[in-house]
Amino acid sequence: MADYRRRRRVIALAKGRVQRVGYRAFCADHAMLLNIDGYVKNLPDGRVEMVGESDEATLRQLVELMRDGPAFARVDDVSYRWEEPTGDYHGFEAII
């Protein structure tokens, strides 16, 4: 049987109206509630990047929440890819 609690790393990119609408704070709040380590930051091209490390099921929860976003956001797409965790992060940070 697969070990679903094994740590993974996800890199997710949200596209749409996701900057200046509280999207980073939304992601950070949910990541902290889910005990995910990593960060979220705005990218120069208007997207938001989230890097998180936890078990796969928990990371999938956050990616699904990212598809909704806060009230004033309009999320057109959230793409993501899996990587091996690095263990570089302790806690979750919204990078300004």
PDB file of N, CA and C in Angstrom:
ATOM      1  N   MET A   1       0.843  -1.186   0.000  1.00  0.00           N
ATOM      2  CA  MET A   1       0.000   0.000   0.000  1.00  0.00           C
ATOM      3  C   MET A   1       0.891   1.253   0.000  1.00  0.00           C
ATOM      4  N   ALA A   2       0.496   2.268  -0.750  1.00  0.00           N
ATOM      5  CA  ALA A   2       1.293   3.497  -0.857  1.00  0.00           C
ATOM      6  C   ALA A   2       1.260   4.275   0.453  1.00  0.00           C
ATOM      7  N   ASP A   3       2.356   4.957   0.728  1.00  0.00           N
ATOM      8  CA  ASP A   3       2.455   5.792   1.929  1.00  0.00           C
ATOM      9  C   ASP A   3       2.047   7.214   1.559  1.00  0.00           C
ATOM     10  N   TYR A   4       0.789   7.573   1.849  1.00  0.00           N
ATOM     11  CA  TYR A   4       0.266   8.884   1.477  1.00  0.00           C
ATOM     12  C   TYR A   4       0.740   9.985   2.412  1.00  0.00           C
ATOM     13  N   ARG A   5       1.438   9.632   3.488  1.00  0.00           N
ATOM     14  CA  ARG A   5       1.932  10.647   4.414  1.00  0.00           C
ATOM     15  C   ARG A   5       3.364  11.065   4.082  1.00  0.00           C
ATOM     16  N   ARG A   6       3.968  10.460   3.074  1.00  0.00           N
ATOM     17  CA  ARG A   6       5.328  10.814   2.682  1.00  0.00           C
ATOM     18  C   ARG A   6       5.355  12.270   2.200  1.00  0.00           C
ATOM     19  N   ARG A   7       6.393  12.988   2.616  1.00  0.00           N
ATOM     20  CA  ARG A   7       6.479  14.403   2.223  1.00  0.00           C
ATOM     21  C   ARG A   7       6.743  14.536   0.737  1.00  0.00           C
ATOM     22  N   ARG A   8       6.098  15.546   0.170  1.00  0.00           N
ATOM     23  CA  ARG A   8       6.262  15.907  -1.239  1.00  0.00           C
ATOM     24  C   ARG A   8       6.432  17.415  -1.307  1.00  0.00           C
ATOM     25  N   ARG A   9       6.772  17.877  -2.459  1.00  0.00           N
ATOM     26  CA  ARG A   9       6.881  19.312  -2.719  1.00  0.00           C
ATOM     27  C   ARG A   9       6.036  19.611  -3.952  1.00  0.00           C
ATOM     28  N   VAL A  10       5.240  20.667  -3.866  1.00  0.00           N
ATOM     29  CA  VAL A  10       4.458  21.101  -5.017  1.00  0.00           C
ATOM     30  C   VAL A  10       4.825  22.546  -5.332  1.00  0.00           C
ATOM     31  N   ILE A  11       4.894  22.844  -6.613  1.00  0.00           N
ATOM     32  CA  ILE A  11       5.063  24.217  -7.086  1.00  0.00           C
ATOM     33  C   ILE A  11       3.826  24.522  -7.915  1.00  0.00           C
ATOM     34  N   ALA A  12       3.026  25.478  -7.432  1.00  0.00           N
ATOM     35  CA  ALA A  12       1.762  25.818  -8.085  1.00  0.00           C
ATOM     36  C   ALA A  12       1.813  27.265  -8.570  1.00  0.00           C
ATOM     37  N   LEU A  13       1.257  27.488  -9.751  1.00  0.00           N
ATOM     38  CA  LEU A  13       1.194  28.823 -10.339  1.00  0.00           C
ATOM     39  C   LEU A  13      -0.263  29.168 -10.618  1.00  0.00           C
ATOM     40  N   ALA A  14      -0.723  30.261 -10.021  1.00  0.00           N
ATOM     41  CA  ALA A  14      -2.096  30.722 -10.208  1.00  0.00           C
ATOM     42  C   ALA A  14      -2.105  31.883 -11.195  1.00  0.00           C
ATOM     43  N   LYS A  15      -3.051  31.832 -12.125  1.00  0.00           N
ATOM     44  CA  LYS A  15      -3.163  32.852 -13.164  1.00  0.00           C
ATOM     45  C   LYS A  15      -4.562  33.443 -13.127  1.00  0.00           C
ATOM     46  N   GLY A  16      -4.673  34.726 -13.400  1.00  0.00           N
ATOM     47  CA  GLY A  16      -5.950  35.428 -13.395  1.00  0.00           C
ATOM     48  C   GLY A  16      -5.790  36.742 -12.648  1.00  0.00           C
ATOM     49  N   ARG A  17      -6.855  37.193 -11.992  1.00  0.00           N
ATOM     50  CA  ARG A  17      -6.758  38.389 -11.145  1.00  0.00           C
ATOM     51  C   ARG A  17      -6.399  37.887  -9.746  1.00  0.00           C
ATOM     52  N   VAL A  18      -5.087  37.690  -9.526  1.00  0.00           N
ATOM     53  CA  VAL A  18      -4.609  37.081  -8.296  1.00  0.00           C
ATOM     54  C   VAL A  18      -3.605  37.968  -7.550  1.00  0.00           C
ATOM     55  N   GLN A  19      -3.386  39.155  -8.053  1.00  0.00           N
ATOM     56  CA  GLN A  19      -2.525  40.093  -7.334  1.00  0.00           C
ATOM     57  C   GLN A  19      -3.359  41.298  -6.912  1.00  0.00           C
ATOM     58  N   ARG A  20      -3.031  41.824  -5.728  1.00  0.00           N
ATOM     59  CA  ARG A  20      -3.729  42.982  -5.146  1.00  0.00           C
ATOM     60  C   ARG A  20      -5.185  42.686  -4.775  1.00  0.00           C
ATOM     61  N   VAL A  21      -5.470  41.428  -4.481  1.00  0.00           N
ATOM     62  CA  VAL A  21      -6.828  41.034  -4.082  1.00  0.00           C
ATOM     63  C   VAL A  21      -6.814  40.153  -2.829  1.00  0.00           C
ATOM     64  N   GLY A  22      -5.675  40.072  -2.142  1.00  0.00           N
ATOM     65  CA  GLY A  22      -5.569  39.268  -0.931  1.00  0.00           C
ATOM     66  C   GLY A  22      -5.284  37.796  -1.197  1.00  0.00           C
ATOM     67  N   TYR A  23      -4.851  37.486  -2.396  1.00  0.00           N
ATOM     68  CA  TYR A  23      -4.630  36.083  -2.761  1.00  0.00           C
ATOM     69  C   TYR A  23      -3.459  35.460  -2.006  1.00  0.00           C
ATOM     70  N   ARG A  24      -2.356  36.183  -1.876  1.00  0.00           N
ATOM     71  CA  ARG A  24      -1.209  35.642  -1.131  1.00  0.00           C
ATOM     72  C   ARG A  24      -1.584  35.374   0.321  1.00  0.00           C
ATOM     73  N   ALA A  25      -2.279  36.316   0.953  1.00  0.00           N
ATOM     74  CA  ALA A  25      -2.702  36.134   2.348  1.00  0.00           C
ATOM     75  C   ALA A  25      -3.655  34.947   2.465  1.00  0.00           C
ATOM     76  N   PHE A  26      -4.557  34.800   1.507  1.00  0.00           N
ATOM     77  CA  PHE A  26      -5.482  33.667   1.466  1.00  0.00           C
ATOM     78  C   PHE A  26      -4.708  32.351   1.432  1.00  0.00           C
ATOM     79  N   CYS A  27      -3.729  32.267   0.533  1.00  0.00           N
ATOM     80  CA  CYS A  27      -2.916  31.044   0.414  1.00  0.00           C
ATOM     81  C   CYS A  27      -2.121  30.793   1.692  1.00  0.00           C
ATOM     82  N   ALA A  28      -1.508  31.839   2.219  1.00  0.00           N
ATOM     83  CA  ALA A  28      -0.681  31.690   3.420  1.00  0.00           C
ATOM     84  C   ALA A  28      -1.527  31.250   4.616  1.00  0.00           C
ATOM     85  N   ASP A  29      -2.689  31.855   4.791  1.00  0.00           N
ATOM     86  CA  ASP A  29      -3.561  31.485   5.910  1.00  0.00           C
ATOM     87  C   ASP A  29      -3.948  30.007   5.838  1.00  0.00           C
ATOM     88  N   HIS A  30      -4.346  29.550   4.651  1.00  0.00           N
ATOM     89  CA  HIS A  30      -4.739  28.149   4.502  1.00  0.00           C
ATOM     90  C   HIS A  30      -3.538  27.216   4.648  1.00  0.00           C
ATOM     91  N   ALA A  31      -2.398  27.613   4.121  1.00  0.00           N
ATOM     92  CA  ALA A  31      -1.198  26.783   4.250  1.00  0.00           C
ATOM     93  C   ALA A  31      -0.809  26.621   5.722  1.00  0.00           C
ATOM     94  N   MET A  32      -0.899  27.696   6.474  1.00  0.00           N
ATOM     95  CA  MET A  32      -0.551  27.621   7.895  1.00  0.00           C
ATOM     96  C   MET A  32      -1.546  26.731   8.650  1.00  0.00           C
ATOM     97  N   LEU A  33      -2.832  26.845   8.325  1.00  0.00           N
ATOM     98  CA  LEU A  33      -3.840  25.988   8.965  1.00  0.00           C
ATOM     99  C   LEU A  33      -3.601  24.509   8.647  1.00  0.00           C
ATOM    100  N   LEU A  34      -3.063  24.241   7.458  1.00  0.00           N
ATOM    101  CA  LEU A  34      -2.803  22.867   7.032  1.00  0.00           C
ATOM    102  C   LEU A  34      -1.395  22.390   7.416  1.00  0.00           C
ATOM    103  N   ASN A  35      -0.634  23.243   8.100  1.00  0.00           N
ATOM    104  CA  ASN A  35       0.744  22.917   8.510  1.00  0.00           C
ATOM    105  C   ASN A  35       1.658  22.600   7.328  1.00  0.00           C
ATOM    106  N   ILE A  36       1.550  23.411   6.291  1.00  0.00           N
ATOM    107  CA  ILE A  36       2.397  23.284   5.110  1.00  0.00           C
ATOM    108  C   ILE A  36       3.583  24.226   5.264  1.00  0.00           C
ATOM    109  N   ASP A  37       4.751  23.771   4.907  1.00  0.00           N
ATOM    110  CA  ASP A  37       5.959  24.598   4.910  1.00  0.00           C
ATOM    111  C   ASP A  37       6.184  25.129   3.502  1.00  0.00           C
ATOM    112  N   GLY A  38       6.630  26.387   3.394  1.00  0.00           N
ATOM    113  CA  GLY A  38       6.929  26.940   2.081  1.00  0.00           C
ATOM    114  C   GLY A  38       6.672  28.425   2.010  1.00  0.00           C
ATOM    115  N   TYR A  39       6.282  28.881   0.819  1.00  0.00           N
ATOM    116  CA  TYR A  39       6.047  30.311   0.620  1.00  0.00           C
ATOM    117  C   TYR A  39       5.080  30.543  -0.536  1.00  0.00           C
ATOM    118  N   VAL A  40       4.575  31.753  -0.605  1.00  0.00           N
ATOM    119  CA  VAL A  40       3.768  32.221  -1.726  1.00  0.00           C
ATOM    120  C   VAL A  40       4.274  33.611  -2.072  1.00  0.00           C
ATOM    121  N   LYS A  41       4.352  33.908  -3.379  1.00  0.00           N
ATOM    122  CA  LYS A  41       4.826  35.238  -3.797  1.00  0.00           C
ATOM    123  C   LYS A  41       4.235  35.623  -5.141  1.00  0.00           C
ATOM    124  N   ASN A  42       4.149  36.938  -5.366  1.00  0.00           N
ATOM    125  CA  ASN A  42       3.737  37.477  -6.653  1.00  0.00           C
ATOM    126  C   ASN A  42       4.892  37.344  -7.632  1.00  0.00           C
ATOM    127  N   LEU A  43       4.570  37.073  -8.883  1.00  0.00           N
ATOM    128  CA  LEU A  43       5.565  37.047  -9.946  1.00  0.00           C
ATOM    129  C   LEU A  43       5.387  38.295 -10.818  1.00  0.00           C
ATOM    130  N   PRO A  44       6.449  38.744 -11.470  1.00  0.00           N
ATOM    131  CA  PRO A  44       6.368  39.960 -12.291  1.00  0.00           C
ATOM    132  C   PRO A  44       5.344  39.867 -13.426  1.00  0.00           C
ATOM    133  N   ASP A  45       5.024  38.660 -13.885  1.00  0.00           N
ATOM    134  CA  ASP A  45       4.092  38.511 -15.008  1.00  0.00           C
ATOM    135  C   ASP A  45       2.623  38.485 -14.574  1.00  0.00           C
ATOM    136  N   GLY A  46       2.344  38.736 -13.275  1.00  0.00           N
ATOM    137  CA  GLY A  46       0.970  38.804 -12.786  1.00  0.00           C
ATOM    138  C   GLY A  46       0.466  37.518 -12.155  1.00  0.00           C
ATOM    139  N   ARG A  47       1.232  36.435 -12.251  1.00  0.00           N
ATOM    140  CA  ARG A  47       0.836  35.184 -11.614  1.00  0.00           C
ATOM    141  C   ARG A  47       1.306  35.169 -10.160  1.00  0.00           C
ATOM    142  N   VAL A  48       0.819  34.198  -9.408  1.00  0.00           N
ATOM    143  CA  VAL A  48       1.264  33.965  -8.032  1.00  0.00           C
ATOM    144  C   VAL A  48       1.850  32.563  -7.973  1.00  0.00           C
ATOM    145  N   GLU A  49       3.026  32.458  -7.361  1.00  0.00           N
ATOM    146  CA  GLU A  49       3.695  31.167  -7.196  1.00  0.00           C
ATOM    147  C   GLU A  49       3.593  30.725  -5.749  1.00  0.00           C
ATOM    148  N   MET A  50       3.245  29.440  -5.559  1.00  0.00           N
ATOM    149  CA  MET A  50       3.226  28.854  -4.231  1.00  0.00           C
ATOM    150  C   MET A  50       4.108  27.614  -4.252  1.00  0.00           C
ATOM    151  N   VAL A  51       5.032  27.551  -3.312  1.00  0.00           N
ATOM    152  CA  VAL A  51       5.861  26.366  -3.127  1.00  0.00           C
ATOM    153  C   VAL A  51       5.525  25.822  -1.750  1.00  0.00           C
ATOM    154  N   GLY A  52       5.118  24.565  -1.699  1.00  0.00           N
ATOM    155  CA  GLY A  52       4.733  23.973  -0.427  1.00  0.00           C
ATOM    156  C   GLY A  52       5.286  22.576  -0.252  1.00  0.00           C
ATOM    157  N   GLU A  53       5.572  22.231   1.006  1.00  0.00           N
ATOM    158  CA  GLU A  53       6.028  20.891   1.345  1.00  0.00           C
ATOM    159  C   GLU A  53       5.180  20.332   2.480  1.00  0.00           C
ATOM    160  N   SER A  54       4.649  19.143   2.243  1.00  0.00           N
ATOM    161  CA  SER A  54       3.842  18.409   3.218  1.00  0.00           C
ATOM    162  C   SER A  54       3.550  17.050   2.584  1.00  0.00           C
ATOM    163  N   ASP A  55       2.561  16.337   3.093  1.00  0.00           N
ATOM    164  CA  ASP A  55       2.160  15.103   2.419  1.00  0.00           C
ATOM    165  C   ASP A  55       1.286  15.466   1.213  1.00  0.00           C
ATOM    166  N   GLU A  56       1.213  14.568   0.265  1.00  0.00           N
ATOM    167  CA  GLU A  56       0.535  14.863  -0.999  1.00  0.00           C
ATOM    168  C   GLU A  56      -0.934  15.232  -0.820  1.00  0.00           C
ATOM    169  N   ALA A  57      -1.643  14.519   0.037  1.00  0.00           N
ATOM    170  CA  ALA A  57      -3.067  14.804   0.226  1.00  0.00           C
ATOM    171  C   ALA A  57      -3.294  16.223   0.741  1.00  0.00           C
ATOM    172  N   THR A  58      -2.458  16.656   1.666  1.00  0.00           N
ATOM    173  CA  THR A  58      -2.583  18.006   2.223  1.00  0.00           C
ATOM    174  C   THR A  58      -2.254  19.057   1.168  1.00  0.00           C
ATOM    175  N   LEU A  59      -1.227  18.810   0.379  1.00  0.00           N
ATOM    176  CA  LEU A  59      -0.856  19.750  -0.678  1.00  0.00           C
ATOM    177  C   LEU A  59      -1.957  19.843  -1.738  1.00  0.00           C
ATOM    178  N   ARG A  60      -2.587  18.731  -2.030  1.00  0.00           N
ATOM    179  CA  ARG A  60      -3.702  18.757  -2.989  1.00  0.00           C
ATOM    180  C   ARG A  60      -4.864  19.604  -2.457  1.00  0.00           C
ATOM    181  N   GLN A  61      -5.096  19.553  -1.147  1.00  0.00           N
ATOM    182  CA  GLN A  61      -6.138  20.396  -0.538  1.00  0.00           C
ATOM    183  C   GLN A  61      -5.836  21.865  -0.800  1.00  0.00           C
ATOM    184  N   LEU A  62      -4.582  22.268  -0.600  1.00  0.00           N
ATOM    185  CA  LEU A  62      -4.236  23.673  -0.799  1.00  0.00           C
ATOM    186  C   LEU A  62      -4.361  24.069  -2.266  1.00  0.00           C
ATOM    187  N   VAL A  63      -3.929  23.216  -3.168  1.00  0.00           N
ATOM    188  CA  VAL A  63      -4.060  23.530  -4.595  1.00  0.00           C
ATOM    189  C   VAL A  63      -5.534  23.724  -4.954  1.00  0.00           C
ATOM    190  N   GLU A  64      -6.420  22.890  -4.425  1.00  0.00           N
ATOM    191  CA  GLU A  64      -7.847  23.053  -4.695  1.00  0.00           C
ATOM    192  C   GLU A  64      -8.373  24.369  -4.118  1.00  0.00           C
ATOM    193  N   LEU A  65      -7.926  24.737  -2.932  1.00  0.00           N
ATOM    194  CA  LEU A  65      -8.327  26.026  -2.345  1.00  0.00           C
ATOM    195  C   LEU A  65      -7.823  27.178  -3.204  1.00  0.00           C
ATOM    196  N   MET A  66      -6.631  27.029  -3.765  1.00  0.00           N
ATOM    197  CA  MET A  66      -6.066  28.075  -4.627  1.00  0.00           C
ATOM    198  C   MET A  66      -6.938  28.299  -5.854  1.00  0.00           C
ATOM    199  N   ARG A  67      -7.632  27.282  -6.318  1.00  0.00           N
ATOM    200  CA  ARG A  67      -8.504  27.415  -7.500  1.00  0.00           C
ATOM    201  C   ARG A  67      -9.693  28.338  -7.211  1.00  0.00           C
ATOM    202  N   ASP A  68     -10.107  28.430  -5.949  1.00  0.00           N
ATOM    203  CA  ASP A  68     -11.210  29.318  -5.554  1.00  0.00           C
ATOM    204  C   ASP A  68     -10.697  30.713  -5.242  1.00  0.00           C
ATOM    205  N   GLY A  69      -9.699  30.807  -4.384  1.00  0.00           N
ATOM    206  CA  GLY A  69      -9.148  32.099  -3.989  1.00  0.00           C
ATOM    207  C   GLY A  69     -10.119  32.898  -3.139  1.00  0.00           C
ATOM    208  N   PRO A  70      -9.690  34.092  -2.728  1.00  0.00           N
ATOM    209  CA  PRO A  70     -10.554  34.965  -1.921  1.00  0.00           C
ATOM    210  C   PRO A  70     -11.631  35.625  -2.786  1.00  0.00           C
ATOM    211  N   ALA A  71     -12.534  36.329  -2.135  1.00  0.00           N
ATOM    212  CA  ALA A  71     -13.722  36.890  -2.795  1.00  0.00           C
ATOM    213  C   ALA A  71     -13.414  37.771  -4.003  1.00  0.00           C
ATOM    214  N   PHE A  72     -12.381  38.589  -3.950  1.00  0.00           N
ATOM    215  CA  PHE A  72     -12.130  39.549  -5.032  1.00  0.00           C
ATOM    216  C   PHE A  72     -11.212  39.012  -6.118  1.00  0.00           C
ATOM    217  N   ALA A  73     -10.738  37.791  -5.960  1.00  0.00           N
ATOM    218  CA  ALA A  73      -9.868  37.188  -6.974  1.00  0.00           C
ATOM    219  C   ALA A  73     -10.710  36.569  -8.087  1.00  0.00           C
ATOM    220  N   ARG A  74     -10.077  36.417  -9.229  1.00  0.00           N
ATOM    221  CA  ARG A  74     -10.640  35.638 -10.330  1.00  0.00           C
ATOM    222  C   ARG A  74      -9.526  34.697 -10.778  1.00  0.00           C
ATOM    223  N   VAL A  75      -9.641  33.449 -10.416  1.00  0.00           N
ATOM    224  CA  VAL A  75      -8.598  32.478 -10.731  1.00  0.00           C
ATOM    225  C   VAL A  75      -8.964  31.791 -12.037  1.00  0.00           C
ATOM    226  N   ASP A  76      -8.159  32.037 -13.067  1.00  0.00           N
ATOM    227  CA  ASP A  76      -8.405  31.423 -14.378  1.00  0.00           C
ATOM    228  C   ASP A  76      -7.803  30.023 -14.468  1.00  0.00           C
ATOM    229  N   ASP A  77      -6.679  29.816 -13.799  1.00  0.00           N
ATOM    230  CA  ASP A  77      -6.005  28.524 -13.881  1.00  0.00           C
ATOM    231  C   ASP A  77      -5.014  28.380 -12.738  1.00  0.00           C
ATOM    232  N   VAL A  78      -4.853  27.170 -12.250  1.00  0.00           N
ATOM    233  CA  VAL A  78      -3.782  26.829 -11.313  1.00  0.00           C
ATOM    234  C   VAL A  78      -3.086  25.599 -11.882  1.00  0.00           C
ATOM    235  N   SER A  79      -1.851  25.787 -12.323  1.00  0.00           N
ATOM    236  CA  SER A  79      -1.058  24.656 -12.792  1.00  0.00           C
ATOM    237  C   SER A  79      -0.077  24.295 -11.684  1.00  0.00           C
ATOM    238  N   TYR A  80       0.329  23.039 -11.648  1.00  0.00           N
ATOM    239  CA  TYR A  80       1.255  22.636 -10.592  1.00  0.00           C
ATOM    240  C   TYR A  80       2.094  21.460 -11.061  1.00  0.00           C
ATOM    241  N   ARG A  81       3.224  21.286 -10.377  1.00  0.00           N
ATOM    242  CA  ARG A  81       4.086  20.139 -10.643  1.00  0.00           C
ATOM    243  C   ARG A  81       4.652  19.634  -9.323  1.00  0.00           C
ATOM    244  N   TRP A  82       4.961  18.349  -9.293  1.00  0.00           N
ATOM    245  CA  TRP A  82       5.491  17.714  -8.100  1.00  0.00           C
ATOM    246  C   TRP A  82       7.005  17.615  -8.184  1.00  0.00           C
ATOM    247  N   GLU A  83       7.648  17.779  -7.035  1.00  0.00           N
ATOM    248  CA  GLU A  83       9.093  17.614  -6.925  1.00  0.00           C
ATOM    249  C   GLU A  83       9.396  16.913  -5.612  1.00  0.00           C
ATOM    250  N   GLU A  84      10.640  16.512  -5.460  1.00  0.00           N
ATOM    251  CA  GLU A  84      11.072  15.954  -4.183  1.00  0.00           C
ATOM    252  C   GLU A  84      11.249  17.110  -3.196  1.00  0.00           C
ATOM    253  N   PRO A  85      10.882  16.926  -1.940  1.00  0.00           N
ATOM    254  CA  PRO A  85      11.032  18.006  -0.948  1.00  0.00           C
ATOM    255  C   PRO A  85      12.507  18.268  -0.649  1.00  0.00           C
ATOM    256  N   THR A  86      12.791  19.516  -0.304  1.00  0.00           N
ATOM    257  CA  THR A  86      14.163  19.898   0.040  1.00  0.00           C
ATOM    258  C   THR A  86      14.348  20.068   1.540  1.00  0.00           C
ATOM    259  N   GLY A  87      13.236  20.318   2.257  1.00  0.00           N
ATOM    260  CA  GLY A  87      13.337  20.567   3.688  1.00  0.00           C
ATOM    261  C   GLY A  87      13.878  21.952   4.017  1.00  0.00           C
ATOM    262  N   ASP A  88      13.912  22.832   3.010  1.00  0.00           N
ATOM    263  CA  ASP A  88      14.457  24.180   3.195  1.00  0.00           C
ATOM    264  C   ASP A  88      13.536  25.102   3.992  1.00  0.00           C
ATOM    265  N   TYR A  89      12.262  24.781   4.103  1.00  0.00           N
ATOM    266  CA  TYR A  89      11.288  25.697   4.693  1.00  0.00           C
ATOM    267  C   TYR A  89      10.786  25.184   6.034  1.00  0.00           C
ATOM    268  N   HIS A  90      10.609  26.107   6.950  1.00  0.00           N
ATOM    269  CA  HIS A  90      10.037  25.797   8.266  1.00  0.00           C
ATOM    270  C   HIS A  90       8.972  26.843   8.530  1.00  0.00           C
ATOM    271  N   GLY A  91       7.729  26.456   8.400  1.00  0.00           N
ATOM    272  CA  GLY A  91       6.631  27.411   8.456  1.00  0.00           C
ATOM    273  C   GLY A  91       6.289  27.875   7.054  1.00  0.00           C
ATOM    274  N   PHE A  92       5.363  28.793   6.965  1.00  0.00           N
ATOM    275  CA  PHE A  92       4.899  29.295   5.661  1.00  0.00           C
ATOM    276  C   PHE A  92       4.970  30.809   5.651  1.00  0.00           C
ATOM    277  N   GLU A  93       5.422  31.368   4.544  1.00  0.00           N
ATOM    278  CA  GLU A  93       5.641  32.807   4.451  1.00  0.00           C
ATOM    279  C   GLU A  93       5.008  33.374   3.189  1.00  0.00           C
ATOM    280  N   ALA A  94       4.351  34.522   3.328  1.00  0.00           N
ATOM    281  CA  ALA A  94       3.894  35.289   2.164  1.00  0.00           C
ATOM    282  C   ALA A  94       4.980  36.309   1.884  1.00  0.00           C
ATOM    283  N   ILE A  95       5.671  36.135   0.781  1.00  0.00           N
ATOM    284  CA  ILE A  95       6.792  37.019   0.423  1.00  0.00           C
ATOM    285  C   ILE A  95       6.237  38.261  -0.260  1.00  0.00           C
ATOM    286  N   ILE A  96       6.668  39.402   0.211  1.00  0.00           N
ATOM    287  CA  ILE A  96       6.220  40.688  -0.357  1.00  0.00           C
ATOM    288  C   ILE A  96       7.140  41.070  -1.498  1.00  0.00           C
TER     289      ILE A  96
END
